Each structure stands twice: as C-alpha cells, then as structure tokens.
C-alpha cells in the first residue's frame, strides 16, 4: 500500500498540476517518506489543499496559510417549513 501511495504522489507532483487536492496523504507512509512529501509540497508551485490529521506534517507546514474547519463553520441548507 505504501509503495502505491508513494508512486501516486510522485506521479501527481511530476505532472506539475495547478491545484493539488490531498486527503490524508501520509496514511501508509513511513516517517522518511512523510519528510520527502513535505519537501515536495514545499517545492511545488501548485495550490495545495490538504486535509490531514498528521501532527508532524501539520507542524512542518504550519507557516502555510490555512483554514480550520469546524462543524459550525459549514453552512447548512435551510430547513423546509413544517407541514400543518
């Protein structure tokens, strides 16, 4: 699993995308591979949207602009009026 994830990330970065969407990219990666991913993300010109719980990755990228989401920050659709 880790080797496939590493290949997928390498191919995505090699394609030089304008936007990179990553959802928990460090799952199944070793500590050294997380470090390599961090360096690759710092080197890319792409806009990066990253969802992660990885504390080390968050620390390494703490100077990046970020948006913290909470359940109250997510707009909810209006409720329909109750029927009589």
N, C-alpha and C. Protein backbone atom coordinates (compact mmCIF):
# COMPACT_ATOMS: atom_id res chain seq x y z
N UNK A 1 0.82 -1.19 0.00
CA UNK A 1 0.00 0.00 0.00
C UNK A 1 0.87 1.25 0.00
N UNK A 2 1.91 1.29 0.83
CA UNK A 2 2.77 2.46 0.91
C UNK A 2 3.49 2.76 -0.39
N UNK A 3 3.94 1.71 -1.09
CA UNK A 3 4.64 1.92 -2.36
C UNK A 3 3.70 2.47 -3.42
N UNK A 4 2.47 1.99 -3.43
CA UNK A 4 1.49 2.50 -4.39
C UNK A 4 1.17 3.96 -4.09
N UNK A 5 1.02 4.29 -2.81
CA UNK A 5 0.74 5.69 -2.41
C UNK A 5 1.91 6.58 -2.82
N UNK A 6 3.13 6.10 -2.61
CA UNK A 6 4.32 6.88 -2.98
C UNK A 6 4.35 7.14 -4.49
N UNK A 7 4.05 6.11 -5.28
CA UNK A 7 4.02 6.25 -6.74
C UNK A 7 2.93 7.23 -7.16
N UNK A 8 1.74 7.11 -6.58
CA UNK A 8 0.64 8.01 -6.92
C UNK A 8 1.00 9.47 -6.63
N UNK A 9 1.60 9.71 -5.48
CA UNK A 9 2.00 11.08 -5.12
C UNK A 9 3.09 11.60 -6.05
N UNK A 10 4.06 10.75 -6.37
CA UNK A 10 5.15 11.16 -7.27
C UNK A 10 4.61 11.51 -8.65
N UNK A 11 3.70 10.70 -9.16
CA UNK A 11 3.11 10.97 -10.48
C UNK A 11 2.29 12.26 -10.47
N UNK A 12 1.56 12.48 -9.40
CA UNK A 12 0.76 13.70 -9.29
C UNK A 12 1.66 14.93 -9.28
N UNK A 13 2.74 14.89 -8.52
CA UNK A 13 3.64 16.03 -8.45
C UNK A 13 4.43 16.21 -9.74
N UNK A 14 4.79 15.12 -10.40
CA UNK A 14 5.56 15.20 -11.64
C UNK A 14 4.73 15.81 -12.77
N UNK A 15 3.42 15.70 -12.68
CA UNK A 15 2.54 16.26 -13.70
C UNK A 15 2.46 17.79 -13.61
N UNK A 16 3.06 18.36 -12.58
CA UNK A 16 3.08 19.81 -12.36
C UNK A 16 1.68 20.42 -12.43
N UNK A 17 0.80 19.97 -11.55
CA UNK A 17 -0.58 20.46 -11.58
C UNK A 17 -0.67 21.90 -11.08
N UNK A 18 -1.77 22.55 -11.40
CA UNK A 18 -2.02 23.89 -10.88
C UNK A 18 -2.61 23.81 -9.48
N UNK A 19 -3.39 22.76 -9.22
CA UNK A 19 -4.02 22.55 -7.93
C UNK A 19 -3.82 21.10 -7.53
N UNK A 20 -3.50 20.89 -6.28
CA UNK A 20 -3.30 19.54 -5.75
C UNK A 20 -4.21 19.37 -4.55
N UNK A 21 -5.13 18.40 -4.61
CA UNK A 21 -6.05 18.11 -3.51
C UNK A 21 -5.59 16.82 -2.84
N UNK A 22 -5.24 16.91 -1.58
CA UNK A 22 -4.71 15.75 -0.87
C UNK A 22 -5.53 15.49 0.39
N UNK A 23 -6.07 14.28 0.50
CA UNK A 23 -6.85 13.87 1.66
C UNK A 23 -6.06 12.79 2.39
N UNK A 24 -5.54 13.14 3.54
CA UNK A 24 -4.73 12.23 4.36
C UNK A 24 -3.61 11.57 3.54
N UNK A 25 -2.74 12.37 2.91
CA UNK A 25 -1.72 11.80 2.03
C UNK A 25 -0.64 11.01 2.75
N UNK A 26 -0.53 11.15 4.06
CA UNK A 26 0.55 10.46 4.76
C UNK A 26 0.14 9.08 5.28
N UNK A 27 -1.13 8.70 5.09
CA UNK A 27 -1.54 7.36 5.50
C UNK A 27 -0.69 6.33 4.76
N UNK A 28 -0.20 5.36 5.47
CA UNK A 28 0.58 4.25 4.92
C UNK A 28 1.99 4.68 4.46
N UNK A 29 2.47 5.84 4.87
CA UNK A 29 3.82 6.27 4.52
C UNK A 29 4.71 6.19 5.74
N UNK A 30 5.96 5.85 5.53
CA UNK A 30 6.93 5.84 6.63
C UNK A 30 7.29 7.28 7.00
N UNK A 31 7.95 7.45 8.12
CA UNK A 31 8.34 8.78 8.58
C UNK A 31 9.25 9.46 7.55
N UNK A 32 10.17 8.72 6.97
CA UNK A 32 11.07 9.32 5.98
C UNK A 32 10.31 9.74 4.72
N UNK A 33 9.31 8.96 4.33
CA UNK A 33 8.52 9.33 3.16
C UNK A 33 7.64 10.55 3.44
N UNK A 34 7.18 10.70 4.66
CA UNK A 34 6.43 11.90 5.03
C UNK A 34 7.33 13.12 4.89
N UNK A 35 8.59 12.99 5.31
CA UNK A 35 9.55 14.09 5.15
C UNK A 35 9.76 14.42 3.67
N UNK A 36 9.87 13.40 2.84
CA UNK A 36 10.04 13.63 1.40
C UNK A 36 8.81 14.31 0.81
N UNK A 37 7.63 13.89 1.24
CA UNK A 37 6.40 14.51 0.76
C UNK A 37 6.36 15.98 1.17
N UNK A 38 6.74 16.26 2.40
CA UNK A 38 6.76 17.65 2.88
C UNK A 38 7.67 18.51 2.02
N UNK A 39 8.84 18.01 1.70
CA UNK A 39 9.76 18.77 0.86
C UNK A 39 9.20 18.96 -0.55
N UNK A 40 8.56 17.94 -1.08
CA UNK A 40 7.97 18.05 -2.42
C UNK A 40 6.83 19.07 -2.42
N UNK A 41 6.04 19.09 -1.37
CA UNK A 41 4.95 20.06 -1.29
C UNK A 41 5.49 21.49 -1.18
N UNK A 42 6.58 21.64 -0.45
CA UNK A 42 7.19 22.97 -0.34
C UNK A 42 7.75 23.44 -1.69
N UNK A 43 8.18 22.51 -2.51
CA UNK A 43 8.83 22.86 -3.77
C UNK A 43 7.83 23.08 -4.92
N UNK A 44 6.60 22.61 -4.76
CA UNK A 44 5.65 22.72 -5.87
C UNK A 44 5.10 24.14 -5.99
N UNK A 45 4.78 24.52 -7.22
CA UNK A 45 4.14 25.80 -7.48
C UNK A 45 2.62 25.69 -7.42
N UNK A 46 2.13 24.47 -7.25
CA UNK A 46 0.69 24.24 -7.25
C UNK A 46 0.04 24.80 -5.98
N UNK A 47 -1.21 25.18 -6.11
CA UNK A 47 -2.01 25.48 -4.92
C UNK A 47 -2.33 24.13 -4.28
N UNK A 48 -2.10 24.01 -2.99
CA UNK A 48 -2.28 22.73 -2.31
C UNK A 48 -3.42 22.85 -1.31
N UNK A 49 -4.39 21.96 -1.44
CA UNK A 49 -5.45 21.83 -0.46
C UNK A 49 -5.20 20.51 0.24
N UNK A 50 -4.98 20.58 1.54
CA UNK A 50 -4.52 19.42 2.30
C UNK A 50 -5.41 19.17 3.50
N UNK A 51 -5.94 17.97 3.60
CA UNK A 51 -6.69 17.54 4.78
C UNK A 51 -5.87 16.47 5.46
N UNK A 52 -5.45 16.72 6.70
CA UNK A 52 -4.61 15.76 7.39
C UNK A 52 -4.77 15.85 8.89
N UNK A 53 -4.58 14.73 9.54
CA UNK A 53 -4.50 14.68 11.00
C UNK A 53 -3.05 14.44 11.43
N UNK A 54 -2.14 14.31 10.47
CA UNK A 54 -0.74 14.02 10.76
C UNK A 54 -0.10 15.22 11.46
N UNK A 55 0.23 15.04 12.72
CA UNK A 55 0.78 16.15 13.52
C UNK A 55 2.10 16.66 12.99
N UNK A 56 2.96 15.76 12.56
CA UNK A 56 4.26 16.19 12.05
C UNK A 56 4.11 17.00 10.77
N UNK A 57 3.28 16.55 9.86
CA UNK A 57 3.06 17.28 8.61
C UNK A 57 2.46 18.65 8.90
N UNK A 58 1.50 18.70 9.83
CA UNK A 58 0.91 19.99 10.20
C UNK A 58 1.96 20.93 10.80
N UNK A 59 2.84 20.39 11.64
CA UNK A 59 3.92 21.21 12.20
C UNK A 59 4.86 21.70 11.11
N UNK A 60 5.21 20.81 10.20
CA UNK A 60 6.16 21.16 9.13
C UNK A 60 5.61 22.24 8.20
N UNK A 61 4.30 22.27 8.03
CA UNK A 61 3.67 23.21 7.11
C UNK A 61 2.90 24.31 7.84
N UNK A 62 3.22 24.53 9.10
CA UNK A 62 2.45 25.48 9.92
C UNK A 62 2.53 26.92 9.42
N UNK A 63 3.54 27.26 8.64
CA UNK A 63 3.65 28.62 8.13
C UNK A 63 2.79 28.85 6.89
N UNK A 64 2.23 27.80 6.34
CA UNK A 64 1.34 27.92 5.18
C UNK A 64 0.03 28.56 5.62
N UNK A 65 -0.61 29.29 4.73
CA UNK A 65 -1.95 29.77 5.06
C UNK A 65 -2.87 28.57 5.26
N UNK A 66 -3.74 28.64 6.24
CA UNK A 66 -4.63 27.51 6.47
C UNK A 66 -5.99 27.98 6.95
N UNK A 67 -6.93 27.10 6.81
CA UNK A 67 -8.31 27.35 7.20
C UNK A 67 -8.74 26.19 8.09
N UNK A 68 -9.06 26.51 9.32
CA UNK A 68 -9.54 25.48 10.24
C UNK A 68 -11.05 25.38 10.08
N UNK A 69 -11.54 24.19 9.85
CA UNK A 69 -12.97 23.99 9.70
C UNK A 69 -13.54 23.35 10.95
N UNK A 70 -14.69 23.80 11.34
CA UNK A 70 -15.40 23.20 12.47
C UNK A 70 -16.82 22.93 12.00
N UNK A 71 -17.55 22.07 12.70
CA UNK A 71 -18.92 21.77 12.28
C UNK A 71 -19.80 23.02 12.18
N UNK A 72 -19.54 24.03 13.00
CA UNK A 72 -20.36 25.24 12.95
C UNK A 72 -19.97 26.13 11.78
N UNK A 73 -18.81 25.91 11.18
CA UNK A 73 -18.36 26.74 10.06
C UNK A 73 -18.94 26.27 8.73
N UNK A 74 -19.51 25.10 8.71
CA UNK A 74 -20.05 24.54 7.46
C UNK A 74 -21.50 24.99 7.32
N UNK A 75 -21.82 25.73 6.27
CA UNK A 75 -23.21 26.18 6.11
C UNK A 75 -24.15 25.01 5.91
N UNK A 76 -25.30 25.10 6.52
CA UNK A 76 -26.30 24.05 6.38
C UNK A 76 -27.44 24.56 5.51
N UNK A 77 -28.02 23.68 4.72
CA UNK A 77 -29.15 24.11 3.88
C UNK A 77 -30.32 24.52 4.76
N UNK A 78 -31.13 25.45 4.27
CA UNK A 78 -32.29 25.87 5.07
C UNK A 78 -33.24 24.70 5.26
N UNK A 79 -33.89 24.69 6.40
CA UNK A 79 -34.87 23.62 6.66
C UNK A 79 -36.18 24.02 6.00
N UNK A 80 -36.91 23.01 5.58
CA UNK A 80 -38.21 23.28 4.95
C UNK A 80 -39.24 23.56 6.05
N UNK A 81 -40.21 24.41 5.75
CA UNK A 81 -41.21 24.73 6.77
C UNK A 81 -41.99 23.48 7.17
N UNK A 82 -42.38 23.43 8.43
CA UNK A 82 -43.16 22.29 8.92
C UNK A 82 -44.54 22.28 8.29
N UNK A 83 -45.01 21.10 7.99
CA UNK A 83 -46.35 20.95 7.40
C UNK A 83 -47.39 20.92 8.51
N UNK A 84 -48.53 21.53 8.26
CA UNK A 84 -49.62 21.52 9.25
C UNK A 84 -50.57 20.39 8.98
